[in-house]
Protein backbone atom coordinates (compact mmCIF):
# COMPACT_ATOMS: atom_id res chain seq x y z
CA UNK A 1 0.00 0.00 0.00
CA UNK A 2 1.27 3.43 -0.95
CA UNK A 3 0.94 5.40 2.29
CA UNK A 4 3.84 7.82 1.80
CA UNK A 5 3.66 10.97 -0.26
CA UNK A 6 6.86 12.12 -1.94
CA UNK A 7 7.11 15.68 -3.24
CA UNK A 8 9.39 16.39 -6.19
CA UNK A 9 10.10 19.59 -8.06
CA UNK A 10 12.58 22.35 -8.65
CA UNK A 11 14.31 24.31 -5.91
CA UNK A 12 11.84 27.01 -4.90
CA UNK A 13 8.77 24.96 -5.84
CA UNK A 14 7.74 24.76 -2.19
CA UNK A 15 8.41 21.10 -1.42
CA UNK A 16 9.49 21.73 2.18
CA UNK A 17 6.84 24.34 2.95
CA UNK A 18 3.98 22.45 1.33
CA UNK A 19 5.29 19.14 2.65
CA UNK A 20 5.14 20.26 6.25
CA UNK A 21 1.64 21.69 5.80
CA UNK A 22 0.50 18.53 4.01
CA UNK A 23 1.90 16.31 6.78
CA UNK A 24 0.04 18.35 9.39
CA UNK A 25 -3.20 18.25 7.40
CA UNK A 26 -3.00 14.46 6.91
CA UNK A 27 -1.56 13.54 10.30
CA UNK A 28 1.62 12.10 8.79
CA UNK A 29 5.29 12.32 9.70
CA UNK A 30 7.43 14.74 7.71
CA UNK A 31 10.92 14.17 6.30
CA UNK A 32 13.05 16.58 4.30
CA UNK A 33 15.79 14.74 2.40
CA UNK A 34 17.98 17.85 2.15
CA UNK A 35 18.01 18.02 5.96
CA UNK A 36 18.76 14.27 6.16
CA UNK A 37 21.75 14.78 3.83
CA UNK A 38 23.06 17.69 5.87
CA UNK A 39 22.71 15.83 9.17
CA UNK A 40 24.38 12.69 7.80
CA UNK A 41 27.27 14.63 6.24
CA UNK A 42 27.49 17.27 8.99
CA UNK A 43 27.71 19.90 6.24
CA UNK A 44 25.32 22.14 4.35
CA UNK A 45 24.52 21.24 0.77
CA UNK A 46 26.63 24.19 -0.37
CA UNK A 47 29.60 23.02 1.72
CA UNK A 48 29.32 19.61 0.08
CA UNK A 49 29.30 21.30 -3.34
CA UNK A 50 32.24 23.54 -2.40
CA UNK A 51 34.34 20.60 -1.20
CA UNK A 52 33.41 18.12 -3.95
CA UNK A 53 31.10 18.61 -6.92
CA UNK A 54 27.50 18.16 -8.04
CA UNK A 55 27.98 14.50 -8.91
CA UNK A 56 29.21 13.63 -5.41
CA UNK A 57 26.23 15.48 -3.91
CA UNK A 58 23.92 13.45 -6.18
CA UNK A 59 25.62 10.20 -5.04
CA UNK A 60 25.15 11.17 -1.39
CA UNK A 61 21.54 12.08 -2.11
CA UNK A 62 20.90 8.75 -3.85
CA UNK A 63 22.32 6.90 -0.85
CA UNK A 64 20.08 8.85 1.53
CA UNK A 65 16.99 8.30 -0.63
CA UNK A 66 17.33 4.53 -0.76
CA UNK A 67 18.04 4.37 2.98
CA UNK A 68 14.67 5.92 3.88
CA UNK A 69 12.48 3.28 5.48
CA UNK A 70 9.30 4.96 6.64
CA UNK A 71 5.54 4.58 6.48
CA UNK A 72 2.75 7.12 6.64
CA UNK A 73 5.07 10.04 5.88
CA UNK A 74 5.31 13.06 3.63
CA UNK A 75 8.80 13.29 2.16
CA UNK A 76 10.11 16.51 0.63
CA UNK A 77 13.00 15.66 -1.68
CA UNK A 78 15.82 17.78 -2.96
CA UNK A 79 15.32 19.04 -6.48
CA UNK A 80 17.91 16.61 -7.80
CA UNK A 81 16.33 13.47 -6.31
CA UNK A 82 14.99 12.56 -9.76
CA UNK A 83 18.53 11.93 -11.02
CA UNK A 84 18.58 8.80 -8.85
CA UNK A 85 16.67 6.08 -10.68
CA UNK A 86 17.25 3.76 -7.69
CA UNK A 87 15.91 6.35 -5.26
CA UNK A 88 12.82 7.02 -7.33
CA UNK A 89 12.21 3.28 -7.79
CA UNK A 90 12.51 2.88 -4.01
CA UNK A 91 9.87 5.57 -3.48
CA UNK A 92 7.52 4.32 -6.16
CA UNK A 93 7.06 1.06 -4.28
CA UNK A 94 5.36 2.60 -1.27
CA UNK A 95 4.71 6.23 -2.17
CA UNK A 96 2.56 8.44 -4.32
CA UNK A 97 4.94 10.83 -6.06
CA UNK A 98 3.63 14.37 -6.44
CA UNK A 99 5.32 16.85 -8.78
CA UNK A 100 4.93 20.48 -7.74
CA UNK A 101 4.93 22.01 -11.22
CA UNK A 102 6.00 25.63 -10.79
CA UNK A 103 6.65 27.94 -13.76
CA UNK A 104 10.23 29.03 -14.40
CA UNK A 105 9.40 32.71 -13.91
CA UNK A 106 8.02 32.11 -10.41
CA UNK A 107 11.02 29.97 -9.47
CA UNK A 108 13.36 32.71 -10.67
CA UNK A 109 11.52 35.23 -8.49
CA UNK A 110 11.91 32.93 -5.47
CA UNK A 111 15.51 31.79 -5.97
CA UNK A 112 17.95 34.63 -5.39
CA UNK A 113 20.86 32.47 -4.22
CA UNK A 114 21.22 30.02 -7.12
CA UNK A 115 25.02 30.00 -6.98
CA UNK A 116 25.19 29.46 -3.20
CA UNK A 117 22.10 27.36 -2.45
CA UNK A 118 23.77 23.98 -2.82
CA UNK A 119 21.92 23.02 -5.98
CA UNK A 120 23.35 19.85 -7.52
CA UNK A 121 24.08 21.02 -11.04
CA UNK A 122 27.04 21.51 -13.34
CA UNK A 123 28.85 24.76 -12.44
CA UNK A 124 28.24 26.24 -15.89
CA UNK A 125 24.56 25.25 -16.05
CA UNK A 126 22.05 28.09 -15.92
CA UNK A 127 18.86 27.86 -13.90
CA UNK A 128 16.87 27.87 -17.16
CA UNK A 129 18.88 24.91 -18.48
CA UNK A 130 18.48 23.06 -15.20
CA UNK A 131 14.72 23.67 -15.28
CA UNK A 132 14.44 22.25 -18.80
CA UNK A 133 16.56 19.20 -17.96
CA UNK A 134 14.79 18.35 -14.72
CA UNK A 135 11.22 19.01 -15.88
CA UNK A 136 11.38 15.92 -18.11
CA UNK A 137 12.45 13.80 -15.14
CA UNK A 138 9.79 15.20 -12.81
CA UNK A 139 7.10 14.39 -15.35
CA UNK A 140 8.48 10.89 -15.85
CA UNK A 141 8.29 9.98 -12.16
CA UNK A 142 5.14 11.84 -11.10
CA UNK A 143 1.96 10.00 -10.20
CA UNK A 144 0.24 13.34 -9.64
CA UNK A 145 1.16 16.76 -11.03
CA UNK A 146 0.01 19.85 -9.18
CA UNK A 147 0.00 23.20 -10.96
CA UNK A 148 1.56 25.65 -8.50
CA UNK A 149 1.27 28.74 -10.71
CA UNK A 150 0.45 31.67 -8.38
CA UNK A 151 -1.19 29.42 -5.78
CA UNK A 152 -0.77 29.79 -2.02
CA UNK A 153 0.65 26.89 0.00
CA UNK A 154 -2.84 26.26 1.38
CA UNK A 155 -4.23 26.02 -2.16
CA UNK A 156 -1.43 23.65 -3.21
CA UNK A 157 -2.00 21.41 -0.18
CA UNK A 158 -5.75 21.45 -0.87
CA UNK A 159 -5.12 20.41 -4.47
CA UNK A 160 -2.85 17.56 -3.37
CA UNK A 161 -5.43 16.30 -0.86
CA UNK A 162 -8.17 16.49 -3.50
CA UNK A 163 -6.06 14.45 -5.94
CA UNK A 164 -5.23 11.90 -3.25
CA UNK A 165 -8.91 11.56 -2.29
CA UNK A 166 -9.82 10.94 -5.94
CA UNK A 167 -7.35 8.01 -5.99
CA UNK A 168 -9.01 6.22 -3.05
């Protein structure tokens, strides 16, 4: 039975904010994989990027994703979680994967620290290029896609709950 909900999407899409609100609304536990990475490594995502590179951060993230063994939880993933086929396969077994589809323009308004946020991307890759590359992966793995264009967190959570109820 799929009793976890995994949120995927770009940095700035609201996975952590909406995830916490969704967990409260549904009475579920809440996990943030970026926080799990930082606790395990005892470094921020940016420190990991500064000391290694984006591929090492993705390897660490993949390891954390497949180590998650939880039930009845909402899991907010890092934006690069979809690069881990093993991690996404692990989630698909017991989770409904929800893509928070947020337009590029809104993400650009929200993300002012692209170069220092610890985003797992090639150093020369622009945010626009990253958006295009990742959007294909988000769509591939999503069970549910939620349009987050100009919607409040409460509206987004309401839309997720409505979609989940329709699947029962």
